[in-house]
Amino acid sequence: TTRQKHTRECFVVAEEGADRDRIAQEIKRMP
């Protein structure tokens, strides 16, 4: 499957005070 062939690793610079959990979830759920 697509998931079995590749993984994705993200290195992110967030704004000071930004909600990192929200950002991470938005990335992981992006269609």
PDB file of all heavy atoms in Angstrom:
ATOM      1  N   THR A   1       0.846  -1.180   0.000  1.00  0.00           N
ATOM      2  CA  THR A   1       0.000   0.000   0.000  1.00  0.00           C
ATOM      3  C   THR A   1       0.891   1.243   0.000  1.00  0.00           C
ATOM      4  O   THR A   1       2.102   1.166   0.236  1.00  0.00           O
ATOM      5  CB  THR A   1      -0.894   0.038   1.243  1.00  0.00           C
ATOM      6  OG1 THR A   1      -0.066   0.171   2.408  1.00  0.00           O
ATOM      7  CG2 THR A   1      -1.736  -1.226   1.357  1.00  0.00           C
ATOM      8  N   THR A   2       0.290   2.393  -0.252  1.00  0.00           N
ATOM      9  CA  THR A   2       1.014   3.658  -0.188  1.00  0.00           C
ATOM     10  C   THR A   2       1.721   3.807   1.155  1.00  0.00           C
ATOM     11  O   THR A   2       2.896   4.185   1.225  1.00  0.00           O
ATOM     12  CB  THR A   2       0.028   4.826  -0.393  1.00  0.00           C
ATOM     13  OG1 THR A   2      -0.515   4.722  -1.717  1.00  0.00           O
ATOM     14  CG2 THR A   2       0.714   6.175  -0.240  1.00  0.00           C
ATOM     15  N   ARG A   3       1.029   3.491   2.245  1.00  0.00           N
ATOM     16  CA  ARG A   3       1.580   3.653   3.584  1.00  0.00           C
ATOM     17  C   ARG A   3       2.758   2.708   3.831  1.00  0.00           C
ATOM     18  O   ARG A   3       3.674   3.036   4.585  1.00  0.00           O
ATOM     19  CB  ARG A   3       0.478   3.405   4.628  1.00  0.00           C
ATOM     20  CG  ARG A   3       0.857   3.785   6.053  1.00  0.00           C
ATOM     21  CD  ARG A   3      -0.331   3.620   6.987  1.00  0.00           C
ATOM     22  NE  ARG A   3      -1.456   4.466   6.632  1.00  0.00           N
ATOM     23  CZ  ARG A   3      -1.592   5.730   7.028  1.00  0.00           C
ATOM     24  NH1 ARG A   3      -0.676   6.286   7.795  1.00  0.00           N
ATOM     25  NH2 ARG A   3      -2.644   6.438   6.656  1.00  0.00           N
ATOM     26  N   GLN A   4       2.729   1.545   3.182  1.00  0.00           N
ATOM     27  CA  GLN A   4       3.789   0.550   3.397  1.00  0.00           C
ATOM     28  C   GLN A   4       5.063   0.861   2.605  1.00  0.00           C
ATOM     29  O   GLN A   4       6.112   0.302   2.891  1.00  0.00           O
ATOM     30  CB  GLN A   4       3.272  -0.839   3.017  1.00  0.00           C
ATOM     31  CG  GLN A   4       2.233  -1.382   3.979  1.00  0.00           C
ATOM     32  CD  GLN A   4       1.583  -2.653   3.456  1.00  0.00           C
ATOM     33  OE1 GLN A   4       1.323  -2.798   2.243  1.00  0.00           O
ATOM     34  NE2 GLN A   4       1.298  -3.579   4.341  1.00  0.00           N
ATOM     35  N   LYS A   5       4.994   1.748   1.613  1.00  0.00           N
ATOM     36  CA  LYS A   5       6.159   2.026   0.773  1.00  0.00           C
ATOM     37  C   LYS A   5       6.985   3.223   1.243  1.00  0.00           C
ATOM     38  O   LYS A   5       8.205   3.223   1.100  1.00  0.00           O
ATOM     39  CB  LYS A   5       5.705   2.274  -0.681  1.00  0.00           C
ATOM     40  CG  LYS A   5       5.266   1.011  -1.397  1.00  0.00           C
ATOM     41  CD  LYS A   5       5.071   1.231  -2.879  1.00  0.00           C
ATOM     42  CE  LYS A   5       3.809   2.020  -3.160  1.00  0.00           C
ATOM     43  NZ  LYS A   5       3.505   2.076  -4.607  1.00  0.00           N
ATOM     44  N   HIS A   6       6.319   4.252   1.778  1.00  0.00           N
ATOM     45  CA  HIS A   6       7.026   5.477   2.151  1.00  0.00           C
ATOM     46  C   HIS A   6       6.509   6.044   3.463  1.00  0.00           C
ATOM     47  O   HIS A   6       5.332   5.881   3.795  1.00  0.00           O
ATOM     48  CB  HIS A   6       6.862   6.564   1.069  1.00  0.00           C
ATOM     49  CG  HIS A   6       7.430   6.214  -0.254  1.00  0.00           C
ATOM     50  ND1 HIS A   6       6.705   5.607  -1.244  1.00  0.00           N
ATOM     51  CD2 HIS A   6       8.682   6.391  -0.756  1.00  0.00           C
ATOM     52  CE1 HIS A   6       7.476   5.405  -2.302  1.00  0.00           C
ATOM     53  NE2 HIS A   6       8.682   5.881  -2.037  1.00  0.00           N
ATOM     54  N   THR A   7       7.395   6.724   4.188  1.00  0.00           N
ATOM     55  CA  THR A   7       6.978   7.545   5.322  1.00  0.00           C
ATOM     56  C   THR A   7       7.329   8.995   4.996  1.00  0.00           C
ATOM     57  O   THR A   7       8.086   9.271   4.057  1.00  0.00           O
ATOM     58  CB  THR A   7       7.683   7.129   6.623  1.00  0.00           C
ATOM     59  OG1 THR A   7       9.099   7.289   6.459  1.00  0.00           O
ATOM     60  CG2 THR A   7       7.374   5.679   6.969  1.00  0.00           C
ATOM     61  N   ARG A   8       6.792   9.906   5.793  1.00  0.00           N
ATOM     62  CA  ARG A   8       7.079  11.332   5.599  1.00  0.00           C
ATOM     63  C   ARG A   8       7.554  11.915   6.923  1.00  0.00           C
ATOM     64  O   ARG A   8       6.949  11.702   7.965  1.00  0.00           O
ATOM     65  CB  ARG A   8       5.847  12.067   5.069  1.00  0.00           C
ATOM     66  CG  ARG A   8       5.422  11.544   3.703  1.00  0.00           C
ATOM     67  CD  ARG A   8       4.502  12.499   2.977  1.00  0.00           C
ATOM     68  NE  ARG A   8       4.133  12.005   1.654  1.00  0.00           N
ATOM     69  CZ  ARG A   8       4.861  12.135   0.557  1.00  0.00           C
ATOM     70  NH1 ARG A   8       6.024  12.757   0.612  1.00  0.00           N
ATOM     71  NH2 ARG A   8       4.442  11.666  -0.598  1.00  0.00           N
ATOM     72  N   GLU A   9       8.672  12.645   6.849  1.00  0.00           N
ATOM     73  CA  GLU A   9       9.263  13.254   8.034  1.00  0.00           C
ATOM     74  C   GLU A   9       9.310  14.766   7.831  1.00  0.00           C
ATOM     75  O   GLU A   9       9.845  15.241   6.826  1.00  0.00           O
ATOM     76  CB  GLU A   9      10.665  12.691   8.272  1.00  0.00           C
ATOM     77  CG  GLU A   9      11.248  13.094   9.614  1.00  0.00           C
ATOM     78  CD  GLU A   9      12.533  12.337   9.942  1.00  0.00           C
ATOM     79  OE1 GLU A   9      13.079  11.657   9.043  1.00  0.00           O
ATOM     80  OE2 GLU A   9      12.987  12.430  11.089  1.00  0.00           O
ATOM     81  N   CYS A  10       8.739  15.504   8.785  1.00  0.00           N
ATOM     82  CA  CYS A  10       8.583  16.946   8.643  1.00  0.00           C
ATOM     83  C   CYS A  10       9.368  17.685   9.721  1.00  0.00           C
ATOM     84  O   CYS A  10       9.293  17.320  10.905  1.00  0.00           O
ATOM     85  CB  CYS A  10       7.107  17.336   8.755  1.00  0.00           C
ATOM     86  SG  CYS A  10       6.001  16.348   7.728  1.00  0.00           S
ATOM     87  N   PHE A  11      10.086  18.708   9.318  1.00  0.00           N
ATOM     88  CA  PHE A  11      10.814  19.584  10.239  1.00  0.00           C
ATOM     89  C   PHE A  11      10.182  20.972  10.107  1.00  0.00           C
ATOM     90  O   PHE A  11      10.221  21.575   9.026  1.00  0.00           O
ATOM     91  CB  PHE A  11      12.302  19.603   9.905  1.00  0.00           C
ATOM     92  CG  PHE A  11      12.961  18.275  10.134  1.00  0.00           C
ATOM     93  CD1 PHE A  11      12.952  17.291   9.146  1.00  0.00           C
ATOM     94  CD2 PHE A  11      13.581  17.995  11.346  1.00  0.00           C
ATOM     95  CE1 PHE A  11      13.541  16.053   9.366  1.00  0.00           C
ATOM     96  CE2 PHE A  11      14.178  16.759  11.573  1.00  0.00           C
ATOM     97  CZ  PHE A  11      14.151  15.790  10.584  1.00  0.00           C
ATOM     98  N   VAL A  12       9.588  21.445  11.207  1.00  0.00           N
ATOM     99  CA  VAL A  12       8.723  22.625  11.147  1.00  0.00           C
ATOM    100  C   VAL A  12       9.201  23.701  12.120  1.00  0.00           C
ATOM    101  O   VAL A  12       9.501  23.408  13.284  1.00  0.00           O
ATOM    102  CB  VAL A  12       7.264  22.234  11.490  1.00  0.00           C
ATOM    103  CG1 VAL A  12       6.355  23.460  11.434  1.00  0.00           C
ATOM    104  CG2 VAL A  12       6.769  21.143  10.546  1.00  0.00           C
ATOM    105  N   VAL A  13       9.265  24.939  11.623  1.00  0.00           N
ATOM    106  CA  VAL A  13       9.500  26.106  12.470  1.00  0.00           C
ATOM    107  C   VAL A  13       8.146  26.765  12.697  1.00  0.00           C
ATOM    108  O   VAL A  13       7.493  27.201  11.738  1.00  0.00           O
ATOM    109  CB  VAL A  13      10.466  27.103  11.810  1.00  0.00           C
ATOM    110  CG1 VAL A  13      10.683  28.312  12.722  1.00  0.00           C
ATOM    111  CG2 VAL A  13      11.797  26.428  11.480  1.00  0.00           C
ATOM    112  N   ALA A  14       7.711  26.817  13.967  1.00  0.00           N
ATOM    113  CA  ALA A  14       6.407  27.395  14.295  1.00  0.00           C
ATOM    114  C   ALA A  14       6.572  28.811  14.831  1.00  0.00           C
ATOM    115  O   ALA A  14       7.611  29.163  15.411  1.00  0.00           O
ATOM    116  CB  ALA A  14       5.691  26.523  15.318  1.00  0.00           C
ATOM    117  N   GLU A  15       5.529  29.612  14.631  1.00  0.00           N
ATOM    118  CA  GLU A  15       5.524  30.948  15.232  1.00  0.00           C
ATOM    119  C   GLU A  15       5.541  30.819  16.757  1.00  0.00           C
ATOM    120  O   GLU A  15       5.028  29.837  17.312  1.00  0.00           O
ATOM    121  CB  GLU A  15       4.254  31.706  14.817  1.00  0.00           C
ATOM    122  CG  GLU A  15       4.216  32.116  13.369  1.00  0.00           C
ATOM    123  CD  GLU A  15       2.903  32.800  13.019  1.00  0.00           C
ATOM    124  OE1 GLU A  15       2.058  32.978  13.935  1.00  0.00           O
ATOM    125  OE2 GLU A  15       2.721  33.141  11.833  1.00  0.00           O
ATOM    126  N   GLU A  16       6.128  31.801  17.410  1.00  0.00           N
ATOM    127  CA  GLU A  16       6.150  31.789  18.878  1.00  0.00           C
ATOM    128  C   GLU A  16       4.717  31.817  19.399  1.00  0.00           C
ATOM    129  O   GLU A  16       3.894  32.634  18.976  1.00  0.00           O
ATOM    130  CB  GLU A  16       6.920  33.019  19.395  1.00  0.00           C
ATOM    131  CG  GLU A  16       7.218  32.935  20.879  1.00  0.00           C
ATOM    132  CD  GLU A  16       8.156  34.051  21.338  1.00  0.00           C
ATOM    133  OE1 GLU A  16       8.786  34.687  20.467  1.00  0.00           O
ATOM    134  OE2 GLU A  16       8.233  34.277  22.543  1.00  0.00           O
ATOM    135  N   GLY A  17       4.419  30.870  20.280  1.00  0.00           N
ATOM    136  CA  GLY A  17       3.082  30.803  20.859  1.00  0.00           C
ATOM    137  C   GLY A  17       2.074  30.041  20.034  1.00  0.00           C
ATOM    138  O   GLY A  17       0.917  29.886  20.452  1.00  0.00           O
ATOM    139  N   ALA A  18       2.448  29.551  18.850  1.00  0.00           N
ATOM    140  CA  ALA A  18       1.510  28.796  18.011  1.00  0.00           C
ATOM    141  C   ALA A  18       1.182  27.451  18.649  1.00  0.00           C
ATOM    142  O   ALA A  18       1.977  26.885  19.394  1.00  0.00           O
ATOM    143  CB  ALA A  18       2.116  28.585  16.621  1.00  0.00           C
ATOM    144  N   ASP A  19      -0.002  26.944  18.345  1.00  0.00           N
ATOM    145  CA  ASP A  19      -0.460  25.652  18.884  1.00  0.00           C
ATOM    146  C   ASP A  19       0.190  24.524  18.067  1.00  0.00           C
ATOM    147  O   ASP A  19      -0.263  24.188  16.970  1.00  0.00           O
ATOM    148  CB  ASP A  19      -1.984  25.577  18.785  1.00  0.00           C
ATOM    149  CG  ASP A  19      -2.550  24.305  19.423  1.00  0.00           C
ATOM    150  OD1 ASP A  19      -1.781  23.345  19.620  1.00  0.00           O
ATOM    151  OD2 ASP A  19      -3.757  24.287  19.709  1.00  0.00           O
ATOM    152  N   ARG A  20       1.234  23.959  18.629  1.00  0.00           N
ATOM    153  CA  ARG A  20       1.995  22.947  17.886  1.00  0.00           C
ATOM    154  C   ARG A  20       1.181  21.674  17.662  1.00  0.00           C
ATOM    155  O   ARG A  20       1.320  21.023  16.618  1.00  0.00           O
ATOM    156  CB  ARG A  20       3.297  22.636  18.621  1.00  0.00           C
ATOM    157  CG  ARG A  20       4.262  23.824  18.651  1.00  0.00           C
ATOM    158  CD  ARG A  20       5.597  23.454  19.269  1.00  0.00           C
ATOM    159  NE  ARG A  20       6.571  24.531  19.138  1.00  0.00           N
ATOM    160  CZ  ARG A  20       7.861  24.397  19.407  1.00  0.00           C
ATOM    161  NH1 ARG A  20       8.339  23.228  19.848  1.00  0.00           N
ATOM    162  NH2 ARG A  20       8.687  25.425  19.247  1.00  0.00           N
ATOM    163  N   ASP A  21       0.372  21.307  18.632  1.00  0.00           N
ATOM    164  CA  ASP A  21      -0.461  20.099  18.463  1.00  0.00           C
ATOM    165  C   ASP A  21      -1.409  20.275  17.275  1.00  0.00           C
ATOM    166  O   ASP A  21      -1.601  19.358  16.479  1.00  0.00           O
ATOM    167  CB  ASP A  21      -1.256  19.815  19.735  1.00  0.00           C
ATOM    168  CG  ASP A  21      -0.370  19.296  20.860  1.00  0.00           C
ATOM    169  OD1 ASP A  21       0.729  18.791  20.551  1.00  0.00           O
ATOM    170  OD2 ASP A  21      -0.770  19.404  22.037  1.00  0.00           O
ATOM    171  N   ARG A  22      -2.022  21.463  17.169  1.00  0.00           N
ATOM    172  CA  ARG A  22      -2.921  21.721  16.035  1.00  0.00           C
ATOM    173  C   ARG A  22      -2.172  21.645  14.717  1.00  0.00           C
ATOM    174  O   ARG A  22      -2.640  21.029  13.748  1.00  0.00           O
ATOM    175  CB  ARG A  22      -3.575  23.103  16.184  1.00  0.00           C
ATOM    176  CG  ARG A  22      -4.393  23.505  14.933  1.00  0.00           C
ATOM    177  CD  ARG A  22      -4.820  24.959  14.960  1.00  0.00           C
ATOM    178  NE  ARG A  22      -3.716  25.896  15.044  1.00  0.00           N
ATOM    179  CZ  ARG A  22      -2.952  26.264  14.013  1.00  0.00           C
ATOM    180  NH1 ARG A  22      -3.138  25.731  12.807  1.00  0.00           N
ATOM    181  NH2 ARG A  22      -1.979  27.150  14.180  1.00  0.00           N
ATOM    182  N   ILE A  23      -0.991  22.262  14.661  1.00  0.00           N
ATOM    183  CA  ILE A  23      -0.201  22.241  13.431  1.00  0.00           C
ATOM    184  C   ILE A  23       0.143  20.810  13.038  1.00  0.00           C
ATOM    185  O   ILE A  23      -0.014  20.404  11.871  1.00  0.00           O
ATOM    186  CB  ILE A  23       1.083  23.087  13.602  1.00  0.00           C
ATOM    187  CG1 ILE A  23       0.732  24.582  13.722  1.00  0.00           C
ATOM    188  CG2 ILE A  23       2.041  22.861  12.428  1.00  0.00           C
ATOM    189  CD1 ILE A  23       1.906  25.455  14.118  1.00  0.00           C
ATOM    190  N   ALA A  24       0.598  20.023  14.012  1.00  0.00           N
ATOM    191  CA  ALA A  24       0.971  18.632  13.726  1.00  0.00           C
ATOM    192  C   ALA A  24      -0.221  17.836  13.192  1.00  0.00           C
ATOM    193  O   ALA A  24      -0.089  17.056  12.234  1.00  0.00           O
ATOM    194  CB  ALA A  24       1.531  17.973  14.975  1.00  0.00           C
ATOM    195  N   GLN A  25      -1.396  18.045  13.795  1.00  0.00           N
ATOM    196  CA  GLN A  25      -2.581  17.315  13.342  1.00  0.00           C
ATOM    197  C   GLN A  25      -3.028  17.778  11.957  1.00  0.00           C
ATOM    198  O   GLN A  25      -3.451  16.963  11.125  1.00  0.00           O
ATOM    199  CB  GLN A  25      -3.721  17.487  14.356  1.00  0.00           C
ATOM    200  CG  GLN A  25      -3.502  16.744  15.671  1.00  0.00           C
ATOM    201  CD  GLN A  25      -3.184  15.272  15.454  1.00  0.00           C
ATOM    202  OE1 GLN A  25      -3.892  14.572  14.717  1.00  0.00           O
ATOM    203  NE2 GLN A  25      -2.106  14.800  16.082  1.00  0.00           N
ATOM    204  N   GLU A  26      -2.916  19.068  11.689  1.00  0.00           N
ATOM    205  CA  GLU A  26      -3.268  19.568  10.343  1.00  0.00           C
ATOM    206  C   GLU A  26      -2.364  18.952   9.284  1.00  0.00           C
ATOM    207  O   GLU A  26      -2.808  18.619   8.183  1.00  0.00           O
ATOM    208  CB  GLU A  26      -3.172  21.100  10.299  1.00  0.00           C
ATOM    209  CG  GLU A  26      -4.385  21.814  10.864  1.00  0.00           C
ATOM    210  CD  GLU A  26      -4.446  23.275  10.437  1.00  0.00           C
ATOM    211  OE1 GLU A  26      -4.210  23.570   9.245  1.00  0.00           O
ATOM    212  OE2 GLU A  26      -4.715  24.122  11.307  1.00  0.00           O
ATOM    213  N   ILE A  27      -1.077  18.813   9.619  1.00  0.00           N
ATOM    214  CA  ILE A  27      -0.149  18.184   8.676  1.00  0.00           C
ATOM    215  C   ILE A  27      -0.549  16.733   8.444  1.00  0.00           C
ATOM    216  O   ILE A  27      -0.729  16.293   7.297  1.00  0.00           O
ATOM    217  CB  ILE A  27       1.304  18.266   9.203  1.00  0.00           C
ATOM    218  CG1 ILE A  27       1.785  19.721   9.232  1.00  0.00           C
ATOM    219  CG2 ILE A  27       2.233  17.407   8.331  1.00  0.00           C
ATOM    220  CD1 ILE A  27       3.110  19.914   9.949  1.00  0.00           C
ATOM    221  N   LYS A  28      -0.723  15.982   9.513  1.00  0.00           N
ATOM    222  CA  LYS A  28      -0.958  14.539   9.401  1.00  0.00           C
ATOM    223  C   LYS A  28      -2.287  14.205   8.719  1.00  0.00           C
ATOM    224  O   LYS A  28      -2.421  13.146   8.108  1.00  0.00           O
ATOM    225  CB  LYS A  28      -0.904  13.904  10.783  1.00  0.00           C
ATOM    226  CG  LYS A  28       0.493  13.927  11.398  1.00  0.00           C
ATOM    227  CD  LYS A  28       0.505  13.328  12.798  1.00  0.00           C
ATOM    228  CE  LYS A  28       1.901  13.357  13.392  1.00  0.00           C
ATOM    229  NZ  LYS A  28       1.952  12.751  14.746  1.00  0.00           N
ATOM    230  N   ARG A  29      -3.244  15.124   8.801  1.00  0.00           N
ATOM    231  CA  ARG A  29      -4.565  14.867   8.220  1.00  0.00           C
ATOM    232  C   ARG A  29      -4.735  15.457   6.829  1.00  0.00           C
ATOM    233  O   ARG A  29      -5.797  15.327   6.217  1.00  0.00           O
ATOM    234  CB  ARG A  29      -5.651  15.437   9.144  1.00  0.00           C
ATOM    235  CG  ARG A  29      -5.752  14.714  10.470  1.00  0.00           C
ATOM    236  CD  ARG A  29      -6.675  15.451  11.423  1.00  0.00           C
ATOM    237  NE  ARG A  29      -6.755  14.783  12.725  1.00  0.00           N
ATOM    238  CZ  ARG A  29      -7.264  15.334  13.819  1.00  0.00           C
ATOM    239  NH1 ARG A  29      -7.744  16.573  13.770  1.00  0.00           N
ATOM    240  NH2 ARG A  29      -7.298  14.663  14.952  1.00  0.00           N
ATOM    241  N   MET A  30      -3.712  16.109   6.314  1.00  0.00           N
ATOM    242  CA  MET A  30      -3.837  16.805   5.032  1.00  0.00           C
ATOM    243  C   MET A  30      -4.047  15.806   3.890  1.00  0.00           C
ATOM    244  O   MET A  30      -3.188  14.971   3.612  1.00  0.00           O
ATOM    245  CB  MET A  30      -2.572  17.633   4.770  1.00  0.00           C
ATOM    246  CG  MET A  30      -2.728  18.648   3.644  1.00  0.00           C
ATOM    247  SD  MET A  30      -1.181  19.552   3.318  1.00  0.00           S
ATOM    248  CE  MET A  30      -0.943  20.416   4.873  1.00  0.00           C
ATOM    249  N   PRO A  31      -5.211  15.876   3.206  1.00  0.00           N
ATOM    250  CA  PRO A  31      -5.463  14.927   2.110  1.00  0.00           C
ATOM    251  C   PRO A  31      -4.515  15.155   0.937  1.00  0.00           C
ATOM    252  O   PRO A  31      -4.053  16.273   0.709  1.00  0.00           O
ATOM    253  CB  PRO A  31      -6.919  15.227   1.720  1.00  0.00           C
ATOM    254  CG  PRO A  31      -7.173  16.613   2.206  1.00  0.00           C
ATOM    255  CD  PRO A  31      -6.312  16.824   3.407  1.00  0.00           C
TER     256      PRO A  31
END
